[in-house]
Amino acid sequence: MTIDDVNEKLAAASMALYGDAASLRAVDPRTLSLLKRNARTFDKDTFQQLTANVRADKRLSSTPLCWETPEGLLEVLSGNHRVQAAIEAGIEQVLVLVLHGDLSKARRIAIQLSHNALVGTDDPTLLAELWAEIDEIEAKLYAGLSSDVVTKLEKIELVGFTTPQVYTRTISLAFVDDELSRFDAVLEQLEMLPGETVHVAPLSQFERFFSALEGVKKKFEVRNTSLAMLKMCEICEAALADATPEAGAQS
């Protein structure tokens, strides 16, 4: 039986189940249009586990929800990670449920958020952005977010900025072996880099530095390495302010 034969039978079953409102289809997951902004995030390990499960099952265990655009594209409203996992696992055909008719942007976002509310973890900033774009009361109610979540979202201040407005300086950190010849060779290479400032330390110090940096990220829940470095500077400044000159002189 070909895919066309399968979809013909699915169309008949869909008409009996959903009428003109929706239809079941077997499609190539690579042809689906994924959301460009998805508030629901999966960490790397979770996604890899999902992909492994799909590869072992040779199918998706639940049906992604899509909407057919006026251009005939199938846009995934719910199940983006499952579709991505199916693509990674090499699944050639997946079963999807397609909503028909004209759906406003607010309604589509509301459907996305309502399904996300059931499982997984949200990116709070992106969730706030999407929530702010829903301009219909009924769509906000449909999203199904709890009053506590809504209250937190309304307290998030969305601040826009463009990269050219942010002044940055490049600092290169290099860890090298103690041998003089290797040290000189690395310095020659560093002089060719566009960075304004270069700092060099023995390779033996790298693990200590990296461990401290990761510790700062974890302790203060910072993901950006530059911000973590800034936090390390603040910690060092506080430690220096508390240090007594007498102790240093005696040593």
C-alpha atoms as a PDB file:
ATOM      1  CA  MET A   1       0.000   0.000   0.000  1.00  0.00           C
ATOM      2  CA  THR A   2       1.402   3.392  -1.011  1.00  0.00           C
ATOM      3  CA  ILE A   3       1.346   6.567   1.079  1.00  0.00           C
ATOM      4  CA  ASP A   4      -1.312   7.955  -1.265  1.00  0.00           C
ATOM      5  CA  ASP A   5      -3.468   4.914  -0.523  1.00  0.00           C
ATOM      6  CA  VAL A   6      -2.902   5.406   3.214  1.00  0.00           C
ATOM      7  CA  ASN A   7      -3.855   9.087   3.055  1.00  0.00           C
ATOM      8  CA  GLU A   8      -6.958   8.260   1.042  1.00  0.00           C
ATOM      9  CA  LYS A   9      -8.156   5.937   3.796  1.00  0.00           C
ATOM     10  CA  LEU A  10      -7.159   8.475   6.473  1.00  0.00           C
ATOM     11  CA  ALA A  11      -9.170  11.158   4.679  1.00  0.00           C
ATOM     12  CA  ALA A  12     -12.286   9.020   4.803  1.00  0.00           C
ATOM     13  CA  ALA A  13     -11.762   8.244   8.497  1.00  0.00           C
ATOM     14  CA  SER A  14     -11.039  11.910   9.250  1.00  0.00           C
ATOM     15  CA  MET A  15     -14.264  13.046   7.616  1.00  0.00           C
ATOM     16  CA  ALA A  16     -16.194  10.676   9.851  1.00  0.00           C
ATOM     17  CA  LEU A  17     -14.305  11.784  12.965  1.00  0.00           C
ATOM     18  CA  TYR A  18     -13.756  15.512  12.447  1.00  0.00           C
ATOM     19  CA  GLY A  19     -15.798  16.584   9.456  1.00  0.00           C
ATOM     20  CA  ASP A  20     -14.177  19.559   7.704  1.00  0.00           C
ATOM     21  CA  ALA A  21     -12.437  20.770  10.870  1.00  0.00           C
ATOM     22  CA  ALA A  22      -9.360  18.518  10.748  1.00  0.00           C
ATOM     23  CA  SER A  23      -7.744  15.548   9.065  1.00  0.00           C
ATOM     24  CA  LEU A  24      -5.198  12.835   9.795  1.00  0.00           C
ATOM     25  CA  ARG A  25      -2.313  12.582   7.331  1.00  0.00           C
ATOM     26  CA  ALA A  26       0.866  10.583   6.841  1.00  0.00           C
ATOM     27  CA  VAL A  27       3.649  13.007   5.891  1.00  0.00           C
ATOM     28  CA  ASP A  28       7.415  13.224   5.580  1.00  0.00           C
ATOM     29  CA  PRO A  29       8.508  15.062   8.787  1.00  0.00           C
ATOM     30  CA  ARG A  30      11.112  16.991   6.792  1.00  0.00           C
ATOM     31  CA  THR A  31       8.319  18.741   4.865  1.00  0.00           C
ATOM     32  CA  LEU A  32       6.748  20.181   8.017  1.00  0.00           C
ATOM     33  CA  SER A  33       7.283  23.821   8.958  1.00  0.00           C
ATOM     34  CA  LEU A  34       8.608  24.068  12.521  1.00  0.00           C
ATOM     35  CA  LEU A  35       7.994  26.990  14.863  1.00  0.00           C
ATOM     36  CA  LYS A  36      10.706  29.644  14.673  1.00  0.00           C
ATOM     37  CA  ARG A  37       9.987  30.570  18.307  1.00  0.00           C
ATOM     38  CA  ASN A  38       9.061  27.875  20.777  1.00  0.00           C
ATOM     39  CA  ALA A  39       8.796  28.711  24.484  1.00  0.00           C
ATOM     40  CA  ARG A  40       9.086  25.029  25.363  1.00  0.00           C
ATOM     41  CA  THR A  41      12.732  23.989  25.689  1.00  0.00           C
ATOM     42  CA  PHE A  42      14.365  20.567  25.947  1.00  0.00           C
ATOM     43  CA  ASP A  43      17.872  20.167  27.308  1.00  0.00           C
ATOM     44  CA  LYS A  44      20.341  18.241  25.169  1.00  0.00           C
ATOM     45  CA  ASP A  45      20.108  15.009  27.169  1.00  0.00           C
ATOM     46  CA  THR A  46      16.303  15.000  27.101  1.00  0.00           C
ATOM     47  CA  PHE A  47      16.196  15.551  23.351  1.00  0.00           C
ATOM     48  CA  GLN A  48      18.787  12.848  22.739  1.00  0.00           C
ATOM     49  CA  GLN A  49      16.716  10.448  24.834  1.00  0.00           C
ATOM     50  CA  LEU A  50      13.591  11.369  22.867  1.00  0.00           C
ATOM     51  CA  THR A  51      15.424  10.762  19.595  1.00  0.00           C
ATOM     52  CA  ALA A  52      16.719   7.407  20.841  1.00  0.00           C
ATOM     53  CA  ASN A  53      13.196   6.360  21.838  1.00  0.00           C
ATOM     54  CA  VAL A  54      11.777   7.344  18.438  1.00  0.00           C
ATOM     55  CA  ARG A  55      14.579   5.503  16.653  1.00  0.00           C
ATOM     56  CA  ALA A  56      13.932   2.378  18.730  1.00  0.00           C
ATOM     57  CA  ASP A  57      10.146   2.540  18.229  1.00  0.00           C
ATOM     58  CA  LYS A  58      10.488   3.453  14.519  1.00  0.00           C
ATOM     59  CA  ARG A  59       7.521   5.804  14.984  1.00  0.00           C
ATOM     60  CA  LEU A  60       6.153   8.658  17.067  1.00  0.00           C
ATOM     61  CA  SER A  61       4.110   7.547  20.060  1.00  0.00           C
ATOM     62  CA  SER A  62       1.884  10.650  19.898  1.00  0.00           C
ATOM     63  CA  THR A  63       0.533  12.721  17.025  1.00  0.00           C
ATOM     64  CA  PRO A  64       1.898  16.226  16.336  1.00  0.00           C
ATOM     65  CA  LEU A  65      -0.730  18.927  15.799  1.00  0.00           C
ATOM     66  CA  CYS A  66      -0.411  21.025  12.651  1.00  0.00           C
ATOM     67  CA  TRP A  67      -2.238  23.817  10.866  1.00  0.00           C
ATOM     68  CA  GLU A  68      -2.518  24.065   7.087  1.00  0.00           C
ATOM     69  CA  THR A  69      -1.572  27.565   5.966  1.00  0.00           C
ATOM     70  CA  PRO A  70      -3.337  29.269   3.036  1.00  0.00           C
ATOM     71  CA  GLU A  71      -0.250  28.368   0.976  1.00  0.00           C
ATOM     72  CA  GLY A  72      -0.735  24.678   1.744  1.00  0.00           C
ATOM     73  CA  LEU A  73       2.196  24.329   4.163  1.00  0.00           C
ATOM     74  CA  LEU A  74       1.792  22.299   7.343  1.00  0.00           C
ATOM     75  CA  GLU A  75       2.921  24.359  10.336  1.00  0.00           C
ATOM     76  CA  VAL A  76       3.579  22.413  13.548  1.00  0.00           C
ATOM     77  CA  LEU A  77       1.695  23.943  16.488  1.00  0.00           C
ATOM     78  CA  SER A  78       2.423  21.190  18.987  1.00  0.00           C
ATOM     79  CA  GLY A  79       5.080  18.484  18.798  1.00  0.00           C
ATOM     80  CA  ASN A  80       8.013  20.405  17.337  1.00  0.00           C
ATOM     81  CA  HIS A  81      10.567  18.429  19.356  1.00  0.00           C
ATOM     82  CA  ARG A  82       8.913  15.145  18.386  1.00  0.00           C
ATOM     83  CA  VAL A  83       9.094  16.093  14.715  1.00  0.00           C
ATOM     84  CA  GLN A  84      12.753  17.092  15.083  1.00  0.00           C
ATOM     85  CA  ALA A  85      13.463  13.802  16.837  1.00  0.00           C
ATOM     86  CA  ALA A  86      11.733  11.891  14.015  1.00  0.00           C
ATOM     87  CA  ILE A  87      13.917  13.684  11.472  1.00  0.00           C
ATOM     88  CA  GLU A  88      17.059  12.917  13.501  1.00  0.00           C
ATOM     89  CA  ALA A  89      15.972   9.279  13.843  1.00  0.00           C
ATOM     90  CA  GLY A  90      15.435   8.935  10.095  1.00  0.00           C
ATOM     91  CA  ILE A  91      11.686   8.292  10.271  1.00  0.00           C
ATOM     92  CA  GLU A  92      10.332   8.746   6.741  1.00  0.00           C
ATOM     93  CA  GLN A  93       6.616   9.110   7.519  1.00  0.00           C
ATOM     94  CA  VAL A  94       4.760  10.330  10.603  1.00  0.00           C
ATOM     95  CA  LEU A  95       1.073  10.653  11.390  1.00  0.00           C
ATOM     96  CA  VAL A  96      -0.093  14.215  12.066  1.00  0.00           C
ATOM     97  CA  LEU A  97      -3.421  15.820  12.877  1.00  0.00           C
ATOM     98  CA  VAL A  98      -4.019  18.856  10.664  1.00  0.00           C
ATOM     99  CA  LEU A  99      -6.383  21.682  11.654  1.00  0.00           C
ATOM    100  CA  HIS A 100      -8.270  23.304   8.771  1.00  0.00           C
ATOM    101  CA  GLY A 101      -9.725  26.761   8.437  1.00  0.00           C
ATOM    102  CA  ASP A 102      -8.519  30.272   9.196  1.00  0.00           C
ATOM    103  CA  LEU A 103      -6.646  30.462  12.515  1.00  0.00           C
ATOM    104  CA  SER A 104      -5.472  33.869  13.733  1.00  0.00           C
ATOM    105  CA  LYS A 105      -1.902  34.293  14.965  1.00  0.00           C
ATOM    106  CA  ALA A 106      -3.225  34.757  18.509  1.00  0.00           C
ATOM    107  CA  ARG A 107      -5.196  31.513  18.285  1.00  0.00           C
ATOM    108  CA  ARG A 108      -2.187  29.575  16.974  1.00  0.00           C
ATOM    109  CA  ILE A 109       0.036  30.906  19.790  1.00  0.00           C
ATOM    110  CA  ALA A 110      -2.682  30.049  22.325  1.00  0.00           C
ATOM    111  CA  ILE A 111      -2.806  26.464  21.028  1.00  0.00           C
ATOM    112  CA  GLN A 112       0.983  26.234  21.296  1.00  0.00           C
ATOM    113  CA  LEU A 113       1.053  27.519  24.880  1.00  0.00           C
ATOM    114  CA  SER A 114      -1.889  25.381  25.981  1.00  0.00           C
ATOM    115  CA  HIS A 115      -0.136  22.212  24.800  1.00  0.00           C
ATOM    116  CA  ASN A 116       3.177  23.343  26.290  1.00  0.00           C
ATOM    117  CA  ALA A 117       1.520  23.809  29.674  1.00  0.00           C
ATOM    118  CA  LEU A 118       1.071  20.047  29.930  1.00  0.00           C
ATOM    119  CA  VAL A 119       4.723  18.923  29.862  1.00  0.00           C
ATOM    120  CA  GLY A 120       8.303  20.231  29.683  1.00  0.00           C
ATOM    121  CA  THR A 121       9.945  23.493  30.732  1.00  0.00           C
ATOM    122  CA  ASP A 122       9.298  27.001  29.408  1.00  0.00           C
ATOM    123  CA  ASP A 123      11.808  29.725  28.616  1.00  0.00           C
ATOM    124  CA  PRO A 124      10.255  32.505  30.769  1.00  0.00           C
ATOM    125  CA  THR A 125      11.361  35.427  28.590  1.00  0.00           C
ATOM    126  CA  LEU A 126      10.176  33.878  25.331  1.00  0.00           C
ATOM    127  CA  LEU A 127       6.992  32.700  27.041  1.00  0.00           C
ATOM    128  CA  ALA A 128       6.351  36.305  28.130  1.00  0.00           C
ATOM    129  CA  GLU A 129       6.937  37.550  24.581  1.00  0.00           C
ATOM    130  CA  LEU A 130       4.480  35.057  23.114  1.00  0.00           C
ATOM    131  CA  TRP A 131       1.905  35.756  25.832  1.00  0.00           C
ATOM    132  CA  ALA A 132       2.137  39.488  25.100  1.00  0.00           C
ATOM    133  CA  GLU A 133       1.358  38.840  21.430  1.00  0.00           C
ATOM    134  CA  ILE A 134      -2.011  37.243  22.228  1.00  0.00           C
ATOM    135  CA  ASP A 135      -4.460  40.117  21.854  1.00  0.00           C
ATOM    136  CA  GLU A 136      -7.674  38.115  22.153  1.00  0.00           C
ATOM    137  CA  ILE A 137      -9.229  37.381  25.551  1.00  0.00           C
ATOM    138  CA  GLU A 138     -10.645  34.042  24.407  1.00  0.00           C
ATOM    139  CA  ALA A 139      -7.224  33.018  23.092  1.00  0.00           C
ATOM    140  CA  LYS A 140      -5.599  33.912  26.424  1.00  0.00           C
ATOM    141  CA  LEU A 141      -8.173  31.779  28.239  1.00  0.00           C
ATOM    142  CA  TYR A 142      -7.586  28.921  25.785  1.00  0.00           C
ATOM    143  CA  ALA A 143      -3.829  28.981  26.468  1.00  0.00           C
ATOM    144  CA  GLY A 144      -4.663  27.581  29.898  1.00  0.00           C
ATOM    145  CA  LEU A 145      -1.808  29.173  31.838  1.00  0.00           C
ATOM    146  CA  SER A 146      -2.335  29.292  35.598  1.00  0.00           C
ATOM    147  CA  SER A 147      -2.954  32.609  37.358  1.00  0.00           C
ATOM    148  CA  ASP A 148       0.436  32.293  39.099  1.00  0.00           C
ATOM    149  CA  VAL A 149       2.228  31.911  35.774  1.00  0.00           C
ATOM    150  CA  VAL A 150       0.293  34.806  34.233  1.00  0.00           C
ATOM    151  CA  THR A 151       1.148  37.035  37.209  1.00  0.00           C
ATOM    152  CA  LYS A 152       4.858  36.238  36.814  1.00  0.00           C
ATOM    153  CA  LEU A 153       4.715  36.866  33.067  1.00  0.00           C
ATOM    154  CA  GLU A 154       3.144  40.287  33.541  1.00  0.00           C
ATOM    155  CA  LYS A 155       6.011  41.244  35.883  1.00  0.00           C
ATOM    156  CA  ILE A 156       8.649  40.447  33.256  1.00  0.00           C
ATOM    157  CA  GLU A 157       9.842  43.630  31.559  1.00  0.00           C
ATOM    158  CA  LEU A 158      10.723  42.995  27.924  1.00  0.00           C
ATOM    159  CA  VAL A 159      13.612  45.254  26.920  1.00  0.00           C
ATOM    160  CA  GLY A 160      14.711  45.410  23.313  1.00  0.00           C
ATOM    161  CA  PHE A 161      18.210  46.351  22.213  1.00  0.00           C
ATOM    162  CA  THR A 162      20.303  46.125  19.089  1.00  0.00           C
ATOM    163  CA  THR A 163      23.823  44.755  19.015  1.00  0.00           C
ATOM    164  CA  PRO A 164      25.488  47.927  17.608  1.00  0.00           C
ATOM    165  CA  GLN A 165      24.391  49.812  20.743  1.00  0.00           C
ATOM    166  CA  VAL A 166      26.380  47.498  22.999  1.00  0.00           C
ATOM    167  CA  TYR A 167      30.090  48.394  23.357  1.00  0.00           C
ATOM    168  CA  THR A 168      32.295  45.323  23.514  1.00  0.00           C
ATOM    169  CA  ARG A 169      35.993  44.569  23.789  1.00  0.00           C
ATOM    170  CA  THR A 170      37.644  41.290  22.820  1.00  0.00           C
ATOM    171  CA  ILE A 171      39.934  39.611  25.349  1.00  0.00           C
ATOM    172  CA  SER A 172      41.742  36.392  24.438  1.00  0.00           C
ATOM    173  CA  LEU A 173      42.651  33.862  27.139  1.00  0.00           C
ATOM    174  CA  ALA A 174      45.242  31.238  26.289  1.00  0.00           C
ATOM    175  CA  PHE A 175      46.637  28.343  28.345  1.00  0.00           C
ATOM    176  CA  VAL A 176      49.928  26.929  27.118  1.00  0.00           C
ATOM    177  CA  ASP A 177      52.510  24.347  28.087  1.00  0.00           C
ATOM    178  CA  ASP A 178      55.408  25.581  30.197  1.00  0.00           C
ATOM    179  CA  GLU A 179      58.015  24.870  27.529  1.00  0.00           C
ATOM    180  CA  LEU A 180      59.523  28.166  26.323  1.00  0.00           C
ATOM    181  CA  SER A 181      59.490  27.180  22.638  1.00  0.00           C
ATOM    182  CA  ARG A 182      55.768  26.379  22.682  1.00  0.00           C
ATOM    183  CA  PHE A 183      55.077  29.522  24.673  1.00  0.00           C
ATOM    184  CA  ASP A 184      56.843  31.692  22.089  1.00  0.00           C
ATOM    185  CA  ALA A 185      55.008  29.983  19.214  1.00  0.00           C
ATOM    186  CA  VAL A 186      51.633  30.596  20.823  1.00  0.00           C
ATOM    187  CA  LEU A 187      52.468  34.250  21.448  1.00  0.00           C
ATOM    188  CA  GLU A 188      53.340  34.698  17.763  1.00  0.00           C
ATOM    189  CA  GLN A 189      49.961  33.258  16.780  1.00  0.00           C
ATOM    190  CA  LEU A 190      48.121  35.407  19.311  1.00  0.00           C
ATOM    191  CA  GLU A 191      49.696  38.575  17.930  1.00  0.00           C
ATOM    192  CA  MET A 192      47.871  37.917  14.649  1.00  0.00           C
ATOM    193  CA  LEU A 193      44.449  37.777  16.341  1.00  0.00           C
ATOM    194  CA  PRO A 194      42.097  40.805  16.161  1.00  0.00           C
ATOM    195  CA  GLY A 195      41.630  40.893  19.935  1.00  0.00           C
ATOM    196  CA  GLU A 196      42.868  43.981  21.730  1.00  0.00           C
ATOM    197  CA  THR A 197      44.055  42.181  24.872  1.00  0.00           C
ATOM    198  CA  VAL A 198      45.699  38.778  25.282  1.00  0.00           C
ATOM    199  CA  HIS A 199      46.235  36.956  28.579  1.00  0.00           C
ATOM    200  CA  VAL A 200      48.463  33.882  28.781  1.00  0.00           C
ATOM    201  CA  ALA A 201      48.703  31.390  31.637  1.00  0.00           C
ATOM    202  CA  PRO A 202      50.292  27.958  32.148  1.00  0.00           C
ATOM    203  CA  LEU A 203      48.274  25.045  30.802  1.00  0.00           C
ATOM    204  CA  SER A 204      48.283  23.502  34.282  1.00  0.00           C
ATOM    205  CA  GLN A 205      45.980  26.330  35.430  1.00  0.00           C
ATOM    206  CA  PHE A 206      43.295  25.649  32.828  1.00  0.00           C
ATOM    207  CA  GLU A 207      41.335  23.024  34.773  1.00  0.00           C
ATOM    208  CA  ARG A 208      41.333  25.246  37.851  1.00  0.00           C
ATOM    209  CA  PHE A 209      40.153  28.245  35.843  1.00  0.00           C
ATOM    210  CA  PHE A 210      37.506  26.275  33.940  1.00  0.00           C
ATOM    211  CA  SER A 211      36.200  24.646  37.116  1.00  0.00           C
ATOM    212  CA  ALA A 212      35.886  28.041  38.793  1.00  0.00           C
ATOM    213  CA  LEU A 213      34.071  29.468  35.769  1.00  0.00           C
ATOM    214  CA  GLU A 214      31.601  26.569  35.692  1.00  0.00           C
ATOM    215  CA  GLY A 215      31.110  26.934  39.438  1.00  0.00           C
ATOM    216  CA  VAL A 216      30.161  30.600  39.019  1.00  0.00           C
ATOM    217  CA  LYS A 217      27.692  29.726  36.245  1.00  0.00           C
ATOM    218  CA  LYS A 218      26.032  27.072  38.388  1.00  0.00           C
ATOM    219  CA  LYS A 219      26.061  29.083  41.626  1.00  0.00           C
ATOM    220  CA  PHE A 220      24.573  32.241  40.135  1.00  0.00           C
ATOM    221  CA  GLU A 221      22.528  30.545  37.363  1.00  0.00           C
ATOM    222  CA  VAL A 222      24.419  32.336  34.585  1.00  0.00           C
ATOM    223  CA  ARG A 223      24.622  30.783  31.111  1.00  0.00           C
ATOM    224  CA  ASN A 224      26.579  33.452  29.265  1.00  0.00           C
ATOM    225  CA  THR A 225      30.344  33.002  29.668  1.00  0.00           C
ATOM    226  CA  SER A 226      31.045  36.747  29.476  1.00  0.00           C
ATOM    227  CA  LEU A 227      28.584  37.433  32.290  1.00  0.00           C
ATOM    228  CA  ALA A 228      30.148  34.623  34.314  1.00  0.00           C
ATOM    229  CA  MET A 229      33.571  36.222  33.846  1.00  0.00           C
ATOM    230  CA  LEU A 230      32.127  39.540  35.012  1.00  0.00           C
ATOM    231  CA  LYS A 231      30.736  37.822  38.099  1.00  0.00           C
ATOM    232  CA  MET A 232      34.166  36.305  38.791  1.00  0.00           C
ATOM    233  CA  CYS A 233      35.638  39.824  38.652  1.00  0.00           C
ATOM    234  CA  GLU A 234      33.052  41.042  41.149  1.00  0.00           C
ATOM    235  CA  ILE A 235      33.900  38.156  43.490  1.00  0.00           C
ATOM    236  CA  CYS A 236      37.639  38.924  43.211  1.00  0.00           C
ATOM    237  CA  GLU A 237      37.026  42.633  43.859  1.00  0.00           C
ATOM    238  CA  ALA A 238      35.016  41.811  46.984  1.00  0.00           C
ATOM    239  CA  ALA A 239      37.736  39.439  48.195  1.00  0.00           C
ATOM    240  CA  LEU A 240      40.438  42.050  47.608  1.00  0.00           C
ATOM    241  CA  ALA A 241      38.430  44.650  49.491  1.00  0.00           C
ATOM    242  CA  ASP A 242      38.227  42.322  52.498  1.00  0.00           C
ATOM    243  CA  ALA A 243      41.895  41.299  52.369  1.00  0.00           C
ATOM    244  CA  THR A 244      44.263  42.836  54.946  1.00  0.00           C
ATOM    245  CA  PRO A 245      47.579  44.310  53.682  1.00  0.00           C
ATOM    246  CA  GLU A 246      49.361  43.052  56.824  1.00  0.00           C
ATOM    247  CA  ALA A 247      48.743  39.418  55.860  1.00  0.00           C
ATOM    248  CA  GLY A 248      50.262  39.987  52.445  1.00  0.00           C
ATOM    249  CA  ALA A 249      53.288  41.792  53.849  1.00  0.00           C
ATOM    250  CA  GLN A 250      54.073  39.018  56.334  1.00  0.00           C
ATOM    251  CA  SER A 251      53.974  36.358  53.631  1.00  0.00           C
END
